[in-house]
């Protein structure tokens, strides 16, 4: 059994301090996922922090039934939180600015900055569910079955979201 599942077992047995092991094992990957969906690091960190609160509550109150792996379950919480946050932001009319860390300064990275900003603009044009499915497949390397588990939808719905996302991106590319 891997360390993540061992840490979950410990939390389920009442060792709340073991939750830090779960955070340590997953935070980097979950923040990266959140940033790809949200478009910036700060919002991603907020989404992941809320996801950890939900996960901790679920674990300590018996709300985690292990129908999915712990990693898939955490992905699902983050993806759902990011989708909800994107919808909320859209309703409030807030922009989704790509915020690169200050360590990215320098002429050598100027082209990368432009490319990342353009990619974020294109991804921002997608509905949150399409963006999440595309990020999970293209950037996180999940297959359609795993994406369906994370997003809580059928594989057919995942495929439909991916087809629509690609069509929208293709349209944007052709109009550029």
N, C-alpha and C. Protein backbone atom coordinates (compact mmCIF):
# COMPACT_ATOMS: atom_id res chain seq x y z
N UNK A 1 0.86 -1.19 0.00
CA UNK A 1 0.00 0.00 0.00
C UNK A 1 0.90 1.24 0.00
N UNK A 2 0.58 2.20 -0.82
CA UNK A 2 1.44 3.39 -0.89
C UNK A 2 1.21 4.33 0.29
N UNK A 3 2.08 5.30 0.40
CA UNK A 3 2.06 6.23 1.52
C UNK A 3 0.76 7.02 1.62
N UNK A 4 0.20 7.39 0.47
CA UNK A 4 -1.04 8.16 0.46
C UNK A 4 -2.17 7.35 1.09
N UNK A 5 -2.31 6.11 0.67
CA UNK A 5 -3.37 5.26 1.22
C UNK A 5 -3.11 4.94 2.69
N UNK A 6 -1.85 4.79 3.07
CA UNK A 6 -1.50 4.56 4.47
C UNK A 6 -1.88 5.77 5.32
N UNK A 7 -1.61 6.96 4.80
CA UNK A 7 -1.97 8.19 5.52
C UNK A 7 -3.48 8.30 5.67
N UNK A 8 -4.22 7.93 4.63
CA UNK A 8 -5.69 7.95 4.71
C UNK A 8 -6.16 6.98 5.78
N UNK A 9 -5.58 5.78 5.81
CA UNK A 9 -5.95 4.80 6.84
C UNK A 9 -5.73 5.38 8.24
N UNK A 10 -4.61 6.06 8.42
CA UNK A 10 -4.31 6.65 9.73
C UNK A 10 -5.33 7.71 10.11
N UNK A 11 -5.70 8.57 9.14
CA UNK A 11 -6.70 9.61 9.42
C UNK A 11 -8.03 8.95 9.76
N UNK A 12 -8.40 7.93 9.01
CA UNK A 12 -9.66 7.23 9.26
C UNK A 12 -9.69 6.58 10.65
N UNK A 13 -8.52 6.21 11.15
CA UNK A 13 -8.43 5.62 12.50
C UNK A 13 -8.33 6.68 13.59
N UNK A 14 -8.39 7.97 13.20
CA UNK A 14 -8.39 9.03 14.22
C UNK A 14 -7.10 9.81 14.36
N UNK A 15 -6.09 9.49 13.57
CA UNK A 15 -4.82 10.22 13.62
C UNK A 15 -4.90 11.43 12.69
N UNK A 16 -5.45 12.51 13.21
CA UNK A 16 -5.66 13.69 12.36
C UNK A 16 -4.35 14.31 11.89
N UNK A 17 -3.27 14.12 12.62
CA UNK A 17 -1.97 14.67 12.21
C UNK A 17 -1.48 14.02 10.91
N UNK A 18 -1.95 12.82 10.61
CA UNK A 18 -1.54 12.13 9.38
C UNK A 18 -2.07 12.83 8.13
N UNK A 19 -3.04 13.72 8.30
CA UNK A 19 -3.57 14.44 7.13
C UNK A 19 -2.47 15.28 6.48
N UNK A 20 -1.51 15.75 7.28
CA UNK A 20 -0.40 16.52 6.73
C UNK A 20 0.39 15.70 5.71
N UNK A 21 0.48 14.39 5.91
CA UNK A 21 1.16 13.51 4.95
C UNK A 21 0.42 13.51 3.60
N UNK A 22 -0.90 13.57 3.67
CA UNK A 22 -1.71 13.62 2.44
C UNK A 22 -1.44 14.94 1.72
N UNK A 23 -1.43 16.03 2.47
CA UNK A 23 -1.15 17.35 1.89
C UNK A 23 0.24 17.36 1.27
N UNK A 24 1.22 16.86 2.01
CA UNK A 24 2.60 16.85 1.50
C UNK A 24 2.72 16.03 0.21
N UNK A 25 1.99 14.93 0.14
CA UNK A 25 2.10 14.04 -1.01
C UNK A 25 1.35 14.55 -2.24
N UNK A 26 0.38 15.44 -2.05
CA UNK A 26 -0.49 15.81 -3.17
C UNK A 26 -0.53 17.30 -3.51
N UNK A 27 -0.07 18.15 -2.64
CA UNK A 27 -0.30 19.60 -2.82
C UNK A 27 0.30 20.14 -4.12
N UNK A 28 1.49 19.74 -4.44
CA UNK A 28 2.13 20.27 -5.65
C UNK A 28 1.31 19.95 -6.90
N UNK A 29 0.89 18.70 -7.02
CA UNK A 29 0.13 18.26 -8.18
C UNK A 29 -1.26 18.90 -8.22
N UNK A 30 -1.91 19.01 -7.06
CA UNK A 30 -3.24 19.60 -7.01
C UNK A 30 -3.22 21.10 -7.30
N UNK A 31 -2.21 21.80 -6.82
CA UNK A 31 -2.11 23.23 -7.12
C UNK A 31 -1.84 23.43 -8.60
N UNK A 32 -1.00 22.58 -9.18
CA UNK A 32 -0.73 22.68 -10.62
C UNK A 32 -2.02 22.45 -11.41
N UNK A 33 -2.79 21.44 -11.03
CA UNK A 33 -4.07 21.18 -11.68
C UNK A 33 -5.00 22.38 -11.52
N UNK A 34 -5.11 22.88 -10.30
CA UNK A 34 -5.97 24.04 -10.05
C UNK A 34 -5.56 25.25 -10.85
N UNK A 35 -4.25 25.48 -10.96
CA UNK A 35 -3.75 26.64 -11.72
C UNK A 35 -4.07 26.51 -13.19
N UNK A 36 -4.02 25.30 -13.70
CA UNK A 36 -4.32 25.10 -15.12
C UNK A 36 -5.80 25.34 -15.41
N UNK A 37 -6.64 25.04 -14.46
CA UNK A 37 -8.07 25.27 -14.66
C UNK A 37 -8.43 26.71 -14.36
N UNK A 38 -7.89 27.26 -13.28
CA UNK A 38 -8.25 28.60 -12.85
C UNK A 38 -7.55 29.69 -13.65
N UNK A 39 -6.33 29.41 -14.12
CA UNK A 39 -5.60 30.40 -14.88
C UNK A 39 -4.58 31.17 -14.08
N UNK A 40 -4.54 30.96 -12.76
CA UNK A 40 -3.50 31.61 -11.97
C UNK A 40 -3.25 30.86 -10.67
N UNK A 41 -2.08 31.07 -10.12
CA UNK A 41 -1.61 30.36 -8.94
C UNK A 41 -2.40 30.72 -7.68
N UNK A 42 -2.69 31.99 -7.49
CA UNK A 42 -3.37 32.42 -6.26
C UNK A 42 -4.75 31.78 -6.14
N UNK A 43 -5.53 31.83 -7.22
CA UNK A 43 -6.85 31.21 -7.19
C UNK A 43 -6.74 29.70 -7.02
N UNK A 44 -5.74 29.10 -7.63
CA UNK A 44 -5.53 27.66 -7.50
C UNK A 44 -5.25 27.29 -6.05
N UNK A 45 -4.42 28.07 -5.40
CA UNK A 45 -4.10 27.79 -4.00
C UNK A 45 -5.35 27.89 -3.13
N UNK A 46 -6.21 28.86 -3.42
CA UNK A 46 -7.47 28.99 -2.67
C UNK A 46 -8.35 27.77 -2.89
N UNK A 47 -8.47 27.34 -4.15
CA UNK A 47 -9.30 26.17 -4.48
C UNK A 47 -8.77 24.93 -3.78
N UNK A 48 -7.45 24.74 -3.81
CA UNK A 48 -6.86 23.55 -3.20
C UNK A 48 -7.01 23.59 -1.68
N UNK A 49 -6.85 24.76 -1.09
CA UNK A 49 -7.04 24.88 0.36
C UNK A 49 -8.47 24.48 0.74
N UNK A 50 -9.44 24.96 0.00
CA UNK A 50 -10.84 24.58 0.26
C UNK A 50 -11.04 23.08 0.04
N UNK A 51 -10.38 22.54 -0.97
CA UNK A 51 -10.49 21.10 -1.24
C UNK A 51 -9.94 20.29 -0.08
N UNK A 52 -8.84 20.72 0.50
CA UNK A 52 -8.28 20.01 1.64
C UNK A 52 -9.21 20.08 2.85
N UNK A 53 -9.86 21.20 3.05
CA UNK A 53 -10.81 21.31 4.15
C UNK A 53 -11.95 20.31 3.94
N UNK A 54 -12.48 20.26 2.72
CA UNK A 54 -13.56 19.31 2.41
C UNK A 54 -13.09 17.87 2.58
N UNK A 55 -11.89 17.59 2.11
CA UNK A 55 -11.36 16.22 2.22
C UNK A 55 -11.16 15.83 3.68
N UNK A 56 -10.62 16.73 4.46
CA UNK A 56 -10.39 16.43 5.88
C UNK A 56 -11.72 16.15 6.58
N UNK A 57 -12.70 17.00 6.32
CA UNK A 57 -14.03 16.79 6.93
C UNK A 57 -14.61 15.45 6.52
N UNK A 58 -14.49 15.13 5.24
CA UNK A 58 -15.02 13.86 4.75
C UNK A 58 -14.32 12.67 5.42
N UNK A 59 -13.02 12.76 5.55
CA UNK A 59 -12.27 11.66 6.16
C UNK A 59 -12.60 11.50 7.64
N UNK A 60 -12.71 12.61 8.35
CA UNK A 60 -12.95 12.52 9.79
C UNK A 60 -14.41 12.24 10.13
N UNK A 61 -15.30 12.45 9.19
CA UNK A 61 -16.73 12.20 9.44
C UNK A 61 -17.25 10.98 8.68
N UNK A 62 -16.33 10.19 8.11
CA UNK A 62 -16.74 8.97 7.43
C UNK A 62 -17.35 9.18 6.06
N UNK A 63 -17.05 10.29 5.40
CA UNK A 63 -17.63 10.59 4.10
C UNK A 63 -16.81 10.11 2.91
N UNK A 64 -15.74 9.39 3.14
CA UNK A 64 -14.92 8.86 2.05
C UNK A 64 -15.11 7.35 2.01
N UNK A 65 -15.75 6.86 0.95
CA UNK A 65 -16.09 5.44 0.88
C UNK A 65 -15.10 4.60 0.07
N UNK A 66 -14.08 5.22 -0.47
CA UNK A 66 -13.02 4.54 -1.22
C UNK A 66 -13.50 3.85 -2.50
N UNK A 67 -14.59 4.37 -3.08
CA UNK A 67 -15.00 3.83 -4.39
C UNK A 67 -13.97 4.22 -5.44
N UNK A 68 -13.26 5.32 -5.21
CA UNK A 68 -12.18 5.76 -6.10
C UNK A 68 -10.89 5.81 -5.27
N UNK A 69 -9.77 5.85 -5.95
CA UNK A 69 -8.51 5.99 -5.22
C UNK A 69 -8.48 7.35 -4.55
N UNK A 70 -7.64 7.49 -3.57
CA UNK A 70 -7.53 8.76 -2.86
C UNK A 70 -7.13 9.87 -3.81
N UNK A 71 -6.18 9.60 -4.71
CA UNK A 71 -5.72 10.63 -5.66
C UNK A 71 -6.86 11.07 -6.56
N UNK A 72 -7.64 10.11 -7.09
CA UNK A 72 -8.76 10.44 -7.96
C UNK A 72 -9.80 11.25 -7.19
N UNK A 73 -10.07 10.86 -5.96
CA UNK A 73 -11.03 11.57 -5.11
C UNK A 73 -10.60 13.02 -4.88
N UNK A 74 -9.31 13.22 -4.59
CA UNK A 74 -8.81 14.58 -4.38
C UNK A 74 -8.86 15.40 -5.67
N UNK A 75 -8.52 14.77 -6.80
CA UNK A 75 -8.64 15.46 -8.09
C UNK A 75 -10.07 15.94 -8.29
N UNK A 76 -11.01 15.06 -7.96
CA UNK A 76 -12.42 15.40 -8.17
C UNK A 76 -12.82 16.61 -7.31
N UNK A 77 -12.38 16.63 -6.08
CA UNK A 77 -12.72 17.76 -5.20
C UNK A 77 -12.13 19.05 -5.76
N UNK A 78 -10.88 19.00 -6.22
CA UNK A 78 -10.23 20.20 -6.77
C UNK A 78 -10.91 20.63 -8.07
N UNK A 79 -11.16 19.69 -8.97
CA UNK A 79 -11.81 20.03 -10.25
C UNK A 79 -13.18 20.65 -9.99
N UNK A 80 -13.97 20.04 -9.13
CA UNK A 80 -15.30 20.59 -8.83
C UNK A 80 -15.19 21.98 -8.19
N UNK A 81 -14.24 22.15 -7.29
CA UNK A 81 -14.04 23.45 -6.67
C UNK A 81 -13.61 24.50 -7.68
N UNK A 82 -12.73 24.12 -8.60
CA UNK A 82 -12.27 25.06 -9.63
C UNK A 82 -13.40 25.43 -10.59
N UNK A 83 -14.19 24.43 -10.98
CA UNK A 83 -15.32 24.70 -11.87
C UNK A 83 -16.31 25.64 -11.18
N UNK A 84 -16.60 25.38 -9.92
CA UNK A 84 -17.51 26.26 -9.17
C UNK A 84 -16.95 27.67 -9.07
N UNK A 85 -15.65 27.78 -8.80
CA UNK A 85 -15.02 29.10 -8.68
C UNK A 85 -15.04 29.84 -10.01
N UNK A 86 -14.80 29.13 -11.12
CA UNK A 86 -14.84 29.76 -12.44
C UNK A 86 -16.25 30.26 -12.74
N UNK A 87 -17.25 29.44 -12.44
CA UNK A 87 -18.64 29.86 -12.66
C UNK A 87 -18.98 31.09 -11.83
N UNK A 88 -18.56 31.07 -10.59
CA UNK A 88 -18.83 32.20 -9.70
C UNK A 88 -18.17 33.47 -10.22
N UNK A 89 -16.93 33.33 -10.67
CA UNK A 89 -16.20 34.47 -11.21
C UNK A 89 -16.89 35.00 -12.46
N UNK A 90 -17.36 34.09 -13.30
CA UNK A 90 -18.03 34.49 -14.53
C UNK A 90 -19.33 35.25 -14.21
N UNK A 91 -20.08 34.76 -13.21
CA UNK A 91 -21.32 35.43 -12.81
C UNK A 91 -21.04 36.84 -12.29
N UNK A 92 -19.92 36.99 -11.61
CA UNK A 92 -19.54 38.31 -11.07
C UNK A 92 -18.85 39.17 -12.11
N UNK A 93 -18.54 38.59 -13.29
CA UNK A 93 -17.92 39.36 -14.36
C UNK A 93 -16.45 39.63 -14.15
N UNK A 94 -15.78 38.81 -13.34
CA UNK A 94 -14.35 39.01 -13.09
C UNK A 94 -13.53 38.40 -14.22
N UNK A 95 -12.40 39.03 -14.49
CA UNK A 95 -11.48 38.53 -15.52
C UNK A 95 -10.65 37.40 -14.94
N UNK A 96 -10.12 36.56 -15.81
CA UNK A 96 -9.22 35.49 -15.42
C UNK A 96 -7.83 35.82 -15.94
N UNK A 97 -7.07 36.53 -15.16
CA UNK A 97 -5.74 36.94 -15.59
C UNK A 97 -4.72 35.88 -15.25
N UNK A 98 -3.86 35.58 -16.21
CA UNK A 98 -2.76 34.67 -15.96
C UNK A 98 -1.70 35.44 -15.20
N UNK A 99 -1.38 34.96 -14.01
CA UNK A 99 -0.40 35.65 -13.19
C UNK A 99 0.83 34.77 -13.07
N UNK A 100 1.89 35.15 -13.73
CA UNK A 100 3.12 34.40 -13.67
C UNK A 100 3.92 34.86 -12.47
N UNK A 101 4.65 33.93 -11.89
CA UNK A 101 5.44 34.26 -10.71
C UNK A 101 6.56 35.22 -11.10
N UNK A 102 7.01 36.00 -10.11
CA UNK A 102 8.03 37.02 -10.37
C UNK A 102 9.34 36.41 -10.87
N UNK A 103 9.61 35.17 -10.56
CA UNK A 103 10.83 34.51 -11.02
C UNK A 103 10.87 34.29 -12.52
N UNK A 104 9.81 34.61 -13.22
CA UNK A 104 9.74 34.41 -14.66
C UNK A 104 10.25 35.60 -15.44
N UNK A 105 10.83 36.59 -14.79
CA UNK A 105 11.30 37.78 -15.48
C UNK A 105 12.52 37.47 -16.33
N UNK A 106 12.73 38.27 -17.36
CA UNK A 106 13.90 38.12 -18.21
C UNK A 106 13.51 37.99 -19.67
N UNK A 107 14.37 38.52 -20.50
CA UNK A 107 14.10 38.52 -21.94
C UNK A 107 14.03 37.11 -22.50
N UNK A 108 14.79 36.18 -21.95
CA UNK A 108 14.81 34.81 -22.47
C UNK A 108 13.45 34.13 -22.33
N UNK A 109 12.63 34.58 -21.38
CA UNK A 109 11.35 33.95 -21.16
C UNK A 109 10.17 34.76 -21.71
N UNK A 110 10.46 35.85 -22.40
CA UNK A 110 9.39 36.70 -22.91
C UNK A 110 8.47 35.94 -23.86
N UNK A 111 9.06 35.14 -24.74
CA UNK A 111 8.25 34.38 -25.68
C UNK A 111 7.37 33.36 -24.96
N UNK A 112 7.90 32.74 -23.92
CA UNK A 112 7.11 31.79 -23.13
C UNK A 112 5.96 32.48 -22.44
N UNK A 113 6.19 33.68 -21.95
CA UNK A 113 5.12 34.46 -21.30
C UNK A 113 3.98 34.73 -22.28
N UNK A 114 4.33 35.13 -23.49
CA UNK A 114 3.33 35.42 -24.51
C UNK A 114 2.54 34.15 -24.84
N UNK A 115 3.26 33.05 -25.02
CA UNK A 115 2.60 31.78 -25.35
C UNK A 115 1.67 31.33 -24.22
N UNK A 116 2.12 31.46 -22.96
CA UNK A 116 1.27 31.07 -21.83
C UNK A 116 0.04 31.96 -21.71
N UNK A 117 0.23 33.23 -21.95
CA UNK A 117 -0.90 34.16 -21.89
C UNK A 117 -1.92 33.83 -22.98
N UNK A 118 -1.41 33.54 -24.18
CA UNK A 118 -2.31 33.18 -25.28
C UNK A 118 -3.04 31.87 -24.98
N UNK A 119 -2.31 30.89 -24.45
CA UNK A 119 -2.94 29.62 -24.09
C UNK A 119 -4.02 29.84 -23.04
N UNK A 120 -3.74 30.65 -22.04
CA UNK A 120 -4.74 30.92 -21.01
C UNK A 120 -5.96 31.63 -21.61
N UNK A 121 -5.73 32.55 -22.52
CA UNK A 121 -6.85 33.24 -23.18
C UNK A 121 -7.73 32.22 -23.93
N UNK A 122 -7.08 31.32 -24.62
CA UNK A 122 -7.83 30.32 -25.38
C UNK A 122 -8.59 29.40 -24.43
N UNK A 123 -7.92 28.93 -23.39
CA UNK A 123 -8.58 28.05 -22.43
C UNK A 123 -9.70 28.77 -21.69
N UNK A 124 -9.54 30.05 -21.45
CA UNK A 124 -10.57 30.83 -20.76
C UNK A 124 -11.85 30.92 -21.58
N UNK A 125 -11.73 30.76 -22.88
CA UNK A 125 -12.91 30.82 -23.75
C UNK A 125 -13.77 29.56 -23.62
N UNK A 126 -13.22 28.52 -23.00
CA UNK A 126 -13.96 27.27 -22.85
C UNK A 126 -14.82 27.29 -21.60
N UNK A 127 -15.98 26.65 -21.65
CA UNK A 127 -16.74 26.45 -20.41
C UNK A 127 -15.88 25.66 -19.42
N UNK A 128 -16.11 25.87 -18.14
CA UNK A 128 -15.27 25.28 -17.10
C UNK A 128 -15.16 23.76 -17.21
N UNK A 129 -16.26 23.08 -17.54
CA UNK A 129 -16.23 21.62 -17.63
C UNK A 129 -15.35 21.15 -18.79
N UNK A 130 -15.40 21.87 -19.91
CA UNK A 130 -14.56 21.51 -21.06
C UNK A 130 -13.09 21.77 -20.74
N UNK A 131 -12.83 22.91 -20.11
CA UNK A 131 -11.46 23.25 -19.75
C UNK A 131 -10.90 22.20 -18.80
N UNK A 132 -11.68 21.80 -17.79
CA UNK A 132 -11.22 20.80 -16.83
C UNK A 132 -10.92 19.48 -17.52
N UNK A 133 -11.82 19.02 -18.39
CA UNK A 133 -11.60 17.75 -19.09
C UNK A 133 -10.34 17.81 -19.94
N UNK A 134 -10.15 18.91 -20.65
CA UNK A 134 -8.97 19.06 -21.51
C UNK A 134 -7.68 19.11 -20.69
N UNK A 135 -7.70 19.83 -19.59
CA UNK A 135 -6.52 19.91 -18.72
C UNK A 135 -6.21 18.54 -18.13
N UNK A 136 -7.23 17.84 -17.65
CA UNK A 136 -6.99 16.52 -17.07
C UNK A 136 -6.40 15.55 -18.09
N UNK A 137 -6.85 15.63 -19.35
CA UNK A 137 -6.32 14.72 -20.36
C UNK A 137 -4.96 15.17 -20.89
N UNK A 138 -4.90 16.40 -21.37
CA UNK A 138 -3.71 16.86 -22.08
C UNK A 138 -2.55 17.24 -21.18
N UNK A 139 -2.86 17.74 -20.01
CA UNK A 139 -1.78 18.24 -19.15
C UNK A 139 -1.50 17.33 -17.96
N UNK A 140 -2.52 16.62 -17.49
CA UNK A 140 -2.33 15.72 -16.35
C UNK A 140 -2.17 14.27 -16.77
N UNK A 141 -2.48 13.96 -18.04
CA UNK A 141 -2.25 12.62 -18.57
C UNK A 141 -3.28 11.57 -18.15
N UNK A 142 -4.46 12.00 -17.71
CA UNK A 142 -5.49 11.04 -17.33
C UNK A 142 -6.21 10.53 -18.58
N UNK A 143 -6.66 9.27 -18.53
CA UNK A 143 -7.46 8.74 -19.64
C UNK A 143 -8.93 9.08 -19.39
N UNK A 144 -9.78 8.79 -20.38
CA UNK A 144 -11.19 9.17 -20.29
C UNK A 144 -11.90 8.51 -19.11
N UNK A 145 -11.54 7.29 -18.79
CA UNK A 145 -12.15 6.60 -17.64
C UNK A 145 -11.81 7.34 -16.35
N UNK A 146 -10.54 7.70 -16.20
CA UNK A 146 -10.11 8.43 -15.00
C UNK A 146 -10.76 9.81 -14.93
N UNK A 147 -10.84 10.48 -16.07
CA UNK A 147 -11.47 11.81 -16.11
C UNK A 147 -12.93 11.69 -15.71
N UNK A 148 -13.60 10.67 -16.20
CA UNK A 148 -15.01 10.45 -15.85
C UNK A 148 -15.16 10.27 -14.35
N UNK A 149 -14.25 9.53 -13.72
CA UNK A 149 -14.29 9.34 -12.27
C UNK A 149 -14.07 10.67 -11.55
N UNK A 150 -13.07 11.41 -11.99
CA UNK A 150 -12.75 12.69 -11.35
C UNK A 150 -13.92 13.66 -11.47
N UNK A 151 -14.51 13.72 -12.65
CA UNK A 151 -15.56 14.71 -12.90
C UNK A 151 -16.95 14.21 -12.51
N UNK A 152 -17.07 12.92 -12.21
CA UNK A 152 -18.36 12.38 -11.82
C UNK A 152 -19.37 12.33 -12.94
N UNK A 153 -18.88 12.05 -14.15
CA UNK A 153 -19.74 11.97 -15.33
C UNK A 153 -19.41 10.68 -16.09
N UNK A 154 -20.18 10.39 -17.12
CA UNK A 154 -19.91 9.20 -17.93
C UNK A 154 -18.72 9.46 -18.86
N UNK A 155 -18.16 8.36 -19.37
CA UNK A 155 -17.07 8.50 -20.33
C UNK A 155 -17.55 9.20 -21.60
N UNK A 156 -18.80 8.95 -21.97
CA UNK A 156 -19.37 9.63 -23.14
C UNK A 156 -19.43 11.13 -22.95
N UNK A 157 -19.78 11.55 -21.74
CA UNK A 157 -19.82 12.99 -21.44
C UNK A 157 -18.42 13.59 -21.50
N UNK A 158 -17.43 12.83 -21.04
CA UNK A 158 -16.04 13.30 -21.11
C UNK A 158 -15.64 13.48 -22.58
N UNK A 159 -15.92 12.47 -23.39
CA UNK A 159 -15.57 12.55 -24.81
C UNK A 159 -16.27 13.73 -25.48
N UNK A 160 -17.52 13.94 -25.15
CA UNK A 160 -18.27 15.07 -25.72
C UNK A 160 -17.63 16.40 -25.32
N UNK A 161 -17.24 16.53 -24.07
CA UNK A 161 -16.59 17.77 -23.61
C UNK A 161 -15.26 17.99 -24.31
N UNK A 162 -14.51 16.91 -24.52
CA UNK A 162 -13.22 17.03 -25.19
C UNK A 162 -13.39 17.41 -26.66
N UNK A 163 -14.36 16.81 -27.33
CA UNK A 163 -14.61 17.13 -28.74
C UNK A 163 -15.01 18.60 -28.87
N UNK A 164 -15.90 19.04 -28.01
CA UNK A 164 -16.34 20.44 -28.06
C UNK A 164 -15.20 21.39 -27.73
N UNK A 165 -14.38 21.05 -26.75
CA UNK A 165 -13.25 21.91 -26.39
C UNK A 165 -12.27 22.03 -27.56
N UNK A 166 -11.96 20.90 -28.18
CA UNK A 166 -11.03 20.93 -29.32
C UNK A 166 -11.60 21.73 -30.48
N UNK A 167 -12.90 21.59 -30.71
CA UNK A 167 -13.54 22.34 -31.81
C UNK A 167 -13.46 23.84 -31.53
N UNK A 168 -13.71 24.24 -30.31
CA UNK A 168 -13.63 25.66 -29.95
C UNK A 168 -12.20 26.18 -30.11
N UNK A 169 -11.22 25.39 -29.66
CA UNK A 169 -9.82 25.81 -29.77
C UNK A 169 -9.38 25.87 -31.24
N UNK A 170 -9.83 24.91 -32.02
CA UNK A 170 -9.50 24.91 -33.45
C UNK A 170 -10.06 26.17 -34.12
N UNK A 171 -11.29 26.52 -33.76
CA UNK A 171 -11.94 27.73 -34.30
C UNK A 171 -11.14 28.97 -33.90
N UNK A 172 -10.70 29.03 -32.66
CA UNK A 172 -9.92 30.18 -32.20
C UNK A 172 -8.60 30.27 -32.94
N UNK A 173 -7.97 29.12 -33.14
CA UNK A 173 -6.67 29.10 -33.83
C UNK A 173 -6.83 29.58 -35.27
N UNK A 174 -7.89 29.13 -35.93
CA UNK A 174 -8.11 29.51 -37.32
C UNK A 174 -8.48 30.98 -37.47
N UNK A 175 -9.07 31.56 -36.45
CA UNK A 175 -9.45 32.98 -36.53
C UNK A 175 -8.32 33.90 -36.07
N UNK A 176 -7.24 33.32 -35.57
CA UNK A 176 -6.09 34.13 -35.11
C UNK A 176 -5.19 34.55 -36.24
